[in-house]
Amino acid sequence: MDYQSQYWNEVAGPKWVASQVAMDRFLAPHAEAILAATTIVAGQRVVEVGCGCGALALEAARRGANSLGLDLSAPMLEHARARAA
């Protein structure tokens, strides 16, 4: 396992999962700007690379997109999947 993978799976990922609500609030202005700059329509395919705990990918799905989130951090992906369920 390389350094970045180890860091995001063993150190940073679990911390982000533990503080997901606060991090989503902190990053909300950026997420809102990204969403405002896009046109997401029902049935569209959306891929978010580096999705973290899934805030943007989940919002795209709420808007009717077929949304896929990708991330290096297994703990963050597991959390995103749980949020999507």
PDB file of N, CA and C in Angstrom:
ATOM      1  N   MET A   1       0.858  -1.180   0.000  1.00  0.00           N
ATOM      2  CA  MET A   1       0.000   0.000   0.000  1.00  0.00           C
ATOM      3  C   MET A   1       0.896   1.233   0.000  1.00  0.00           C
ATOM      4  N   ASP A   2       0.650   2.153  -0.926  1.00  0.00           N
ATOM      5  CA  ASP A   2       1.468   3.363  -0.975  1.00  0.00           C
ATOM      6  C   ASP A   2       1.057   4.335   0.135  1.00  0.00           C
ATOM      7  N   TYR A   3       1.833   5.377   0.297  1.00  0.00           N
ATOM      8  CA  TYR A   3       1.624   6.319   1.393  1.00  0.00           C
ATOM      9  C   TYR A   3       0.236   6.951   1.357  1.00  0.00           C
ATOM     10  N   GLN A   4      -0.199   7.470   0.189  1.00  0.00           N
ATOM     11  CA  GLN A   4      -1.495   8.143   0.105  1.00  0.00           C
ATOM     12  C   GLN A   4      -2.633   7.179   0.429  1.00  0.00           C
ATOM     13  N   SER A   5      -2.568   5.986  -0.111  1.00  0.00           N
ATOM     14  CA  SER A   5      -3.603   4.996   0.168  1.00  0.00           C
ATOM     15  C   SER A   5      -3.656   4.669   1.657  1.00  0.00           C
ATOM     16  N   GLN A   6      -2.498   4.457   2.249  1.00  0.00           N
ATOM     17  CA  GLN A   6      -2.446   4.151   3.677  1.00  0.00           C
ATOM     18  C   GLN A   6      -2.986   5.328   4.495  1.00  0.00           C
ATOM     19  N   TYR A   7      -2.584   6.535   4.144  1.00  0.00           N
ATOM     20  CA  TYR A   7      -3.021   7.718   4.875  1.00  0.00           C
ATOM     21  C   TYR A   7      -4.541   7.880   4.814  1.00  0.00           C
ATOM     22  N   TRP A   8      -5.134   7.782   3.611  1.00  0.00           N
ATOM     23  CA  TRP A   8      -6.574   8.001   3.471  1.00  0.00           C
ATOM     24  C   TRP A   8      -7.409   6.840   3.991  1.00  0.00           C
ATOM     25  N   ASN A   9      -6.830   5.664   4.087  1.00  0.00           N
ATOM     26  CA  ASN A   9      -7.570   4.520   4.617  1.00  0.00           C
ATOM     27  C   ASN A   9      -7.405   4.331   6.122  1.00  0.00           C
ATOM     28  N   GLU A  10      -6.263   4.747   6.663  1.00  0.00           N
ATOM     29  CA  GLU A  10      -6.000   4.491   8.081  1.00  0.00           C
ATOM     30  C   GLU A  10      -6.022   5.733   8.962  1.00  0.00           C
ATOM     31  N   VAL A  11      -5.761   6.910   8.395  1.00  0.00           N
ATOM     32  CA  VAL A  11      -5.662   8.127   9.211  1.00  0.00           C
ATOM     33  C   VAL A  11      -6.782   9.115   8.866  1.00  0.00           C
ATOM     34  N   ALA A  12      -6.711   9.691   7.688  1.00  0.00           N
ATOM     35  CA  ALA A  12      -7.640  10.769   7.318  1.00  0.00           C
ATOM     36  C   ALA A  12      -9.068  10.280   7.110  1.00  0.00           C
ATOM     37  N   GLY A  13      -9.232   9.168   6.427  1.00  0.00           N
ATOM     38  CA  GLY A  13     -10.582   8.665   6.139  1.00  0.00           C
ATOM     39  C   GLY A  13     -11.429   8.474   7.385  1.00  0.00           C
ATOM     40  N   PRO A  14     -10.931   7.745   8.385  1.00  0.00           N
ATOM     41  CA  PRO A  14     -11.732   7.584   9.599  1.00  0.00           C
ATOM     42  C   PRO A  14     -12.038   8.914  10.306  1.00  0.00           C
ATOM     43  N   LYS A  15     -11.106   9.871  10.242  1.00  0.00           N
ATOM     44  CA  LYS A  15     -11.368  11.188  10.847  1.00  0.00           C
ATOM     45  C   LYS A  15     -12.477  11.917  10.099  1.00  0.00           C
ATOM     46  N   TRP A  16     -12.447  11.865   8.752  1.00  0.00           N
ATOM     47  CA  TRP A  16     -13.491  12.524   7.962  1.00  0.00           C
ATOM     48  C   TRP A  16     -14.842  11.881   8.213  1.00  0.00           C
ATOM     49  N   VAL A  17     -14.877  10.555   8.318  1.00  0.00           N
ATOM     50  CA  VAL A  17     -16.138   9.865   8.590  1.00  0.00           C
ATOM     51  C   VAL A  17     -16.698  10.327   9.934  1.00  0.00           C
ATOM     52  N   ALA A  18     -15.830  10.415  10.933  1.00  0.00           N
ATOM     53  CA  ALA A  18     -16.268  10.831  12.265  1.00  0.00           C
ATOM     54  C   ALA A  18     -16.790  12.263  12.292  1.00  0.00           C
ATOM     55  N   SER A  19     -16.300  13.100  11.389  1.00  0.00           N
ATOM     56  CA  SER A  19     -16.710  14.511  11.375  1.00  0.00           C
ATOM     57  C   SER A  19     -17.479  14.874  10.106  1.00  0.00           C
ATOM     58  N   GLN A  20     -18.115  13.882   9.468  1.00  0.00           N
ATOM     59  CA  GLN A  20     -18.777  14.090   8.179  1.00  0.00           C
ATOM     60  C   GLN A  20     -19.801  15.214   8.211  1.00  0.00           C
ATOM     61  N   VAL A  21     -20.625  15.288   9.236  1.00  0.00           N
ATOM     62  CA  VAL A  21     -21.659  16.324   9.292  1.00  0.00           C
ATOM     63  C   VAL A  21     -21.016  17.704   9.326  1.00  0.00           C
ATOM     64  N   ALA A  22     -20.022  17.877  10.173  1.00  0.00           N
ATOM     65  CA  ALA A  22     -19.333  19.169  10.275  1.00  0.00           C
ATOM     66  C   ALA A  22     -18.594  19.499   8.981  1.00  0.00           C
ATOM     67  N   MET A  23     -17.961  18.500   8.367  1.00  0.00           N
ATOM     68  CA  MET A  23     -17.230  18.742   7.121  1.00  0.00           C
ATOM     69  C   MET A  23     -18.187  19.110   5.990  1.00  0.00           C
ATOM     70  N   ASP A  24     -19.338  18.444   5.920  1.00  0.00           N
ATOM     71  CA  ASP A  24     -20.330  18.799   4.895  1.00  0.00           C
ATOM     72  C   ASP A  24     -20.788  20.246   5.088  1.00  0.00           C
ATOM     73  N   ARG A  25     -21.003  20.648   6.335  1.00  0.00           N
ATOM     74  CA  ARG A  25     -21.405  22.033   6.611  1.00  0.00           C
ATOM     75  C   ARG A  25     -20.309  23.009   6.198  1.00  0.00           C
ATOM     76  N   PHE A  26     -19.078  22.685   6.551  1.00  0.00           N
ATOM     77  CA  PHE A  26     -17.931  23.542   6.237  1.00  0.00           C
ATOM     78  C   PHE A  26     -17.743  23.693   4.728  1.00  0.00           C
ATOM     79  N   LEU A  27     -17.926  22.602   3.994  1.00  0.00           N
ATOM     80  CA  LEU A  27     -17.711  22.600   2.548  1.00  0.00           C
ATOM     81  C   LEU A  27     -18.963  22.969   1.750  1.00  0.00           C
ATOM     82  N   ALA A  28     -20.076  23.196   2.420  1.00  0.00           N
ATOM     83  CA  ALA A  28     -21.349  23.484   1.747  1.00  0.00           C
ATOM     84  C   ALA A  28     -21.265  24.627   0.737  1.00  0.00           C
ATOM     85  N   PRO A  29     -20.595  25.749   1.046  1.00  0.00           N
ATOM     86  CA  PRO A  29     -20.530  26.813   0.037  1.00  0.00           C
ATOM     87  C   PRO A  29     -19.870  26.360  -1.268  1.00  0.00           C
ATOM     88  N   HIS A  30     -18.865  25.509  -1.156  1.00  0.00           N
ATOM     89  CA  HIS A  30     -18.186  24.992  -2.351  1.00  0.00           C
ATOM     90  C   HIS A  30     -19.088  24.006  -3.096  1.00  0.00           C
ATOM     91  N   ALA A  31     -19.759  23.152  -2.340  1.00  0.00           N
ATOM     92  CA  ALA A  31     -20.680  22.190  -2.958  1.00  0.00           C
ATOM     93  C   ALA A  31     -21.805  22.920  -3.677  1.00  0.00           C
ATOM     94  N   GLU A  32     -22.337  23.963  -3.048  1.00  0.00           N
ATOM     95  CA  GLU A  32     -23.410  24.745  -3.673  1.00  0.00           C
ATOM     96  C   GLU A  32     -22.930  25.413  -4.959  1.00  0.00           C
ATOM     97  N   ALA A  33     -21.709  25.917  -4.955  1.00  0.00           N
ATOM     98  CA  ALA A  33     -21.155  26.545  -6.166  1.00  0.00           C
ATOM     99  C   ALA A  33     -20.980  25.518  -7.278  1.00  0.00           C
ATOM    100  N   ILE A  34     -20.509  24.344  -6.942  1.00  0.00           N
ATOM    101  CA  ILE A  34     -20.344  23.286  -7.943  1.00  0.00           C
ATOM    102  C   ILE A  34     -21.700  22.897  -8.519  1.00  0.00           C
ATOM    103  N   LEU A  35     -22.676  22.700  -7.647  1.00  0.00           N
ATOM    104  CA  LEU A  35     -24.007  22.309  -8.112  1.00  0.00           C
ATOM    105  C   LEU A  35     -24.660  23.406  -8.940  1.00  0.00           C
ATOM    106  N   ALA A  36     -24.422  24.655  -8.584  1.00  0.00           N
ATOM    107  CA  ALA A  36     -24.987  25.776  -9.343  1.00  0.00           C
ATOM    108  C   ALA A  36     -24.379  25.864 -10.741  1.00  0.00           C
ATOM    109  N   ALA A  37     -23.160  25.388 -10.890  1.00  0.00           N
ATOM    110  CA  ALA A  37     -22.465  25.453 -12.177  1.00  0.00           C
ATOM    111  C   ALA A  37     -22.779  24.261 -13.076  1.00  0.00           C
ATOM    112  N   THR A  38     -23.581  23.328 -12.582  1.00  0.00           N
ATOM    113  CA  THR A  38     -23.897  22.126 -13.350  1.00  0.00           C
ATOM    114  C   THR A  38     -25.379  22.077 -13.670  1.00  0.00           C
ATOM    115  N   THR A  39     -25.701  21.279 -14.642  1.00  0.00           N
ATOM    116  CA  THR A  39     -27.099  21.000 -14.967  1.00  0.00           C
ATOM    117  C   THR A  39     -27.273  19.500 -14.835  1.00  0.00           C
ATOM    118  N   ILE A  40     -27.803  19.082 -13.704  1.00  0.00           N
ATOM    119  CA  ILE A  40     -28.020  17.655 -13.468  1.00  0.00           C
ATOM    120  C   ILE A  40     -29.488  17.364 -13.739  1.00  0.00           C
ATOM    121  N   VAL A  41     -29.723  16.415 -14.637  1.00  0.00           N
ATOM    122  CA  VAL A  41     -31.092  16.052 -14.986  1.00  0.00           C
ATOM    123  C   VAL A  41     -31.323  14.569 -14.725  1.00  0.00           C
ATOM    124  N   ALA A  42     -32.578  14.227 -14.519  1.00  0.00           N
ATOM    125  CA  ALA A  42     -32.947  12.835 -14.258  1.00  0.00           C
ATOM    126  C   ALA A  42     -32.440  11.939 -15.381  1.00  0.00           C
ATOM    127  N   GLY A  43     -31.856  10.814 -14.994  1.00  0.00           N
ATOM    128  CA  GLY A  43     -31.356   9.843 -15.947  1.00  0.00           C
ATOM    129  C   GLY A  43     -29.925  10.079 -16.410  1.00  0.00           C
ATOM    130  N   GLN A  44     -29.391  11.241 -16.115  1.00  0.00           N
ATOM    131  CA  GLN A  44     -28.019  11.566 -16.508  1.00  0.00           C
ATOM    132  C   GLN A  44     -27.039  10.706 -15.706  1.00  0.00           C
ATOM    133  N   ARG A  45     -25.916  10.386 -16.292  1.00  0.00           N
ATOM    134  CA  ARG A  45     -24.850   9.661 -15.586  1.00  0.00           C
ATOM    135  C   ARG A  45     -23.857  10.669 -15.041  1.00  0.00           C
ATOM    136  N   VAL A  46     -23.562  10.543 -13.750  1.00  0.00           N
ATOM    137  CA  VAL A  46     -22.642  11.456 -13.074  1.00  0.00           C
ATOM    138  C   VAL A  46     -21.596  10.634 -12.343  1.00  0.00           C
ATOM    139  N   VAL A  47     -20.326  10.984 -12.516  1.00  0.00           N
ATOM    140  CA  VAL A  47     -19.235  10.347 -11.780  1.00  0.00           C
ATOM    141  C   VAL A  47     -18.525  11.428 -10.995  1.00  0.00           C
ATOM    142  N   GLU A  48     -18.398  11.209  -9.692  1.00  0.00           N
ATOM    143  CA  GLU A  48     -17.635  12.133  -8.855  1.00  0.00           C
ATOM    144  C   GLU A  48     -16.356  11.420  -8.414  1.00  0.00           C
ATOM    145  N   VAL A  49     -15.230  11.932  -8.862  1.00  0.00           N
ATOM    146  CA  VAL A  49     -13.932  11.357  -8.501  1.00  0.00           C
ATOM    147  C   VAL A  49     -13.435  12.081  -7.265  1.00  0.00           C
ATOM    148  N   GLY A  50     -13.103  11.320  -6.232  1.00  0.00           N
ATOM    149  CA  GLY A  50     -12.721  11.911  -4.946  1.00  0.00           C
ATOM    150  C   GLY A  50     -13.959  12.319  -4.172  1.00  0.00           C
ATOM    151  N   CYS A  51     -14.953  11.435  -4.126  1.00  0.00           N
ATOM    152  CA  CYS A  51     -16.263  11.770  -3.554  1.00  0.00           C
ATOM    153  C   CYS A  51     -16.274  11.839  -2.037  1.00  0.00           C
ATOM    154  N   GLY A  52     -15.230  11.339  -1.389  1.00  0.00           N
ATOM    155  CA  GLY A  52     -15.217  11.382   0.071  1.00  0.00           C
ATOM    156  C   GLY A  52     -16.405  10.648   0.652  1.00  0.00           C
ATOM    157  N   CYS A  53     -17.145  11.319   1.526  1.00  0.00           N
ATOM    158  CA  CYS A  53     -18.317  10.717   2.168  1.00  0.00           C
ATOM    159  C   CYS A  53     -19.581  10.869   1.336  1.00  0.00           C
ATOM    160  N   GLY A  54     -19.455  11.382   0.113  1.00  0.00           N
ATOM    161  CA  GLY A  54     -20.524  11.312  -0.859  1.00  0.00           C
ATOM    162  C   GLY A  54     -21.485  12.473  -0.978  1.00  0.00           C
ATOM    163  N   ALA A  55     -21.223  13.607  -0.374  1.00  0.00           N
ATOM    164  CA  ALA A  55     -22.198  14.703  -0.380  1.00  0.00           C
ATOM    165  C   ALA A  55     -22.670  15.078  -1.791  1.00  0.00           C
ATOM    166  N   LEU A  56     -21.748  15.319  -2.704  1.00  0.00           N
ATOM    167  CA  LEU A  56     -22.141  15.734  -4.050  1.00  0.00           C
ATOM    168  C   LEU A  56     -22.751  14.586  -4.852  1.00  0.00           C
ATOM    169  N   ALA A  57     -22.176  13.413  -4.743  1.00  0.00           N
ATOM    170  CA  ALA A  57     -22.723  12.259  -5.464  1.00  0.00           C
ATOM    171  C   ALA A  57     -24.140  11.949  -4.995  1.00  0.00           C
ATOM    172  N   LEU A  58     -24.371  12.070  -3.696  1.00  0.00           N
ATOM    173  CA  LEU A  58     -25.710  11.827  -3.160  1.00  0.00           C
ATOM    174  C   LEU A  58     -26.694  12.896  -3.615  1.00  0.00           C
ATOM    175  N   GLU A  59     -26.257  14.138  -3.681  1.00  0.00           N
ATOM    176  CA  GLU A  59     -27.137  15.208  -4.153  1.00  0.00           C
ATOM    177  C   GLU A  59     -27.474  15.009  -5.626  1.00  0.00           C
ATOM    178  N   ALA A  60     -26.517  14.573  -6.413  1.00  0.00           N
ATOM    179  CA  ALA A  60     -26.794  14.281  -7.823  1.00  0.00           C
ATOM    180  C   ALA A  60     -27.849  13.177  -7.938  1.00  0.00           C
ATOM    181  N   ALA A  61     -27.738  12.163  -7.092  1.00  0.00           N
ATOM    182  CA  ALA A  61     -28.729  11.077  -7.100  1.00  0.00           C
ATOM    183  C   ALA A  61     -30.103  11.599  -6.679  1.00  0.00           C
ATOM    184  N   ARG A  62     -30.132  12.485  -5.684  1.00  0.00           N
ATOM    185  CA  ARG A  62     -31.412  13.075  -5.262  1.00  0.00           C
ATOM    186  C   ARG A  62     -32.070  13.842  -6.409  1.00  0.00           C
ATOM    187  N   ARG A  63     -31.248  14.382  -7.288  1.00  0.00           N
ATOM    188  CA  ARG A  63     -31.766  15.128  -8.433  1.00  0.00           C
ATOM    189  C   ARG A  63     -32.127  14.220  -9.607  1.00  0.00           C
ATOM    190  N   GLY A  64     -32.006  12.912  -9.394  1.00  0.00           N
ATOM    191  CA  GLY A  64     -32.439  11.947 -10.402  1.00  0.00           C
ATOM    192  C   GLY A  64     -31.343  11.370 -11.268  1.00  0.00           C
ATOM    193  N   ALA A  65     -30.095  11.749 -11.024  1.00  0.00           N
ATOM    194  CA  ALA A  65     -28.983  11.231 -11.824  1.00  0.00           C
ATOM    195  C   ALA A  65     -28.623   9.810 -11.387  1.00  0.00           C
ATOM    196  N   ASN A  66     -28.037   9.073 -12.298  1.00  0.00           N
ATOM    197  CA  ASN A  66     -27.429   7.790 -11.984  1.00  0.00           C
ATOM    198  C   ASN A  66     -26.016   8.139 -11.543  1.00  0.00           C
ATOM    199  N   SER A  67     -25.800   8.207 -10.236  1.00  0.00           N
ATOM    200  CA  SER A  67     -24.592   8.787  -9.657  1.00  0.00           C
ATOM    201  C   SER A  67     -23.634   7.713  -9.154  1.00  0.00           C
ATOM    202  N   LEU A  68     -22.356   7.903  -9.463  1.00  0.00           N
ATOM    203  CA  LEU A  68     -21.302   7.001  -9.015  1.00  0.00           C
ATOM    204  C   LEU A  68     -20.214   7.824  -8.355  1.00  0.00           C
ATOM    205  N   GLY A  69     -19.864   7.469  -7.130  1.00  0.00           N
ATOM    206  CA  GLY A  69     -18.778   8.149  -6.421  1.00  0.00           C
ATOM    207  C   GLY A  69     -17.570   7.243  -6.318  1.00  0.00           C
ATOM    208  N   LEU A  70     -16.400   7.797  -6.579  1.00  0.00           N
ATOM    209  CA  LEU A  70     -15.136   7.064  -6.490  1.00  0.00           C
ATOM    210  C   LEU A  70     -14.229   7.752  -5.482  1.00  0.00           C
ATOM    211  N   ASP A  71     -13.536   6.971  -4.682  1.00  0.00           N
ATOM    212  CA  ASP A  71     -12.589   7.543  -3.733  1.00  0.00           C
ATOM    213  C   ASP A  71     -11.545   6.502  -3.354  1.00  0.00           C
ATOM    214  N   LEU A  72     -10.384   6.972  -2.953  1.00  0.00           N
ATOM    215  CA  LEU A  72      -9.289   6.112  -2.502  1.00  0.00           C
ATOM    216  C   LEU A  72      -9.565   5.548  -1.113  1.00  0.00           C
ATOM    217  N   SER A  73     -10.356   6.256  -0.326  1.00  0.00           N
ATOM    218  CA  SER A  73     -10.584   5.911   1.075  1.00  0.00           C
ATOM    219  C   SER A  73     -11.746   4.937   1.251  1.00  0.00           C
ATOM    220  N   ALA A  74     -11.440   3.703   1.604  1.00  0.00           N
ATOM    221  CA  ALA A  74     -12.486   2.701   1.844  1.00  0.00           C
ATOM    222  C   ALA A  74     -13.425   3.116   2.978  1.00  0.00           C
ATOM    223  N   PRO A  75     -12.924   3.672   4.094  1.00  0.00           N
ATOM    224  CA  PRO A  75     -13.856   4.089   5.153  1.00  0.00           C
ATOM    225  C   PRO A  75     -14.836   5.163   4.680  1.00  0.00           C
ATOM    226  N   MET A  76     -14.369   6.089   3.866  1.00  0.00           N
ATOM    227  CA  MET A  76     -15.247   7.144   3.370  1.00  0.00           C
ATOM    228  C   MET A  76     -16.261   6.578   2.377  1.00  0.00           C
ATOM    229  N   LEU A  77     -15.844   5.662   1.510  1.00  0.00           N
ATOM    230  CA  LEU A  77     -16.775   5.035   0.580  1.00  0.00           C
ATOM    231  C   LEU A  77     -17.830   4.220   1.317  1.00  0.00           C
ATOM    232  N   GLU A  78     -17.418   3.491   2.348  1.00  0.00           N
ATOM    233  CA  GLU A  78     -18.376   2.715   3.146  1.00  0.00           C
ATOM    234  C   GLU A  78     -19.405   3.649   3.772  1.00  0.00           C
ATOM    235  N   HIS A  79     -18.947   4.789   4.265  1.00  0.00           N
ATOM    236  CA  HIS A  79     -19.850   5.759   4.876  1.00  0.00           C
ATOM    237  C   HIS A  79     -20.803   6.336   3.815  1.00  0.00           C
ATOM    238  N   ALA A  80     -20.282   6.652   2.646  1.00  0.00           N
ATOM    239  CA  ALA A  80     -21.122   7.172   1.559  1.00  0.00           C
ATOM    240  C   ALA A  80     -22.190   6.128   1.176  1.00  0.00           C
ATOM    241  N   ARG A  81     -21.803   4.873   1.100  1.00  0.00           N
ATOM    242  CA  ARG A  81     -22.763   3.818   0.767  1.00  0.00           C
ATOM    243  C   ARG A  81     -23.850   3.727   1.832  1.00  0.00           C
ATOM    244  N   ALA A  82     -23.463   3.839   3.090  1.00  0.00           N
ATOM    245  CA  ALA A  82     -24.436   3.793   4.180  1.00  0.00           C
ATOM    246  C   ALA A  82     -25.398   4.974   4.104  1.00  0.00           C
ATOM    247  N   ARG A  83     -24.872   6.142   3.755  1.00  0.00           N
ATOM    248  CA  ARG A  83     -25.727   7.320   3.613  1.00  0.00           C
ATOM    249  C   ARG A  83     -26.689   7.158   2.446  1.00  0.00           C
ATOM    250  N   ALA A  84     -26.262   6.464   1.414  1.00  0.00           N
ATOM    251  CA  ALA A  84     -27.110   6.279   0.226  1.00  0.00           C
ATOM    252  C   ALA A  84     -28.223   5.258   0.470  1.00  0.00           C
ATOM    253  N   ALA A  85     -27.995   4.363   1.400  1.00  0.00           N
ATOM    254  CA  ALA A  85     -28.952   3.261   1.634  1.00  0.00           C
ATOM    255  C   ALA A  85     -30.290   3.729   2.185  1.00  0.00           C
TER     256      ALA A  85
END
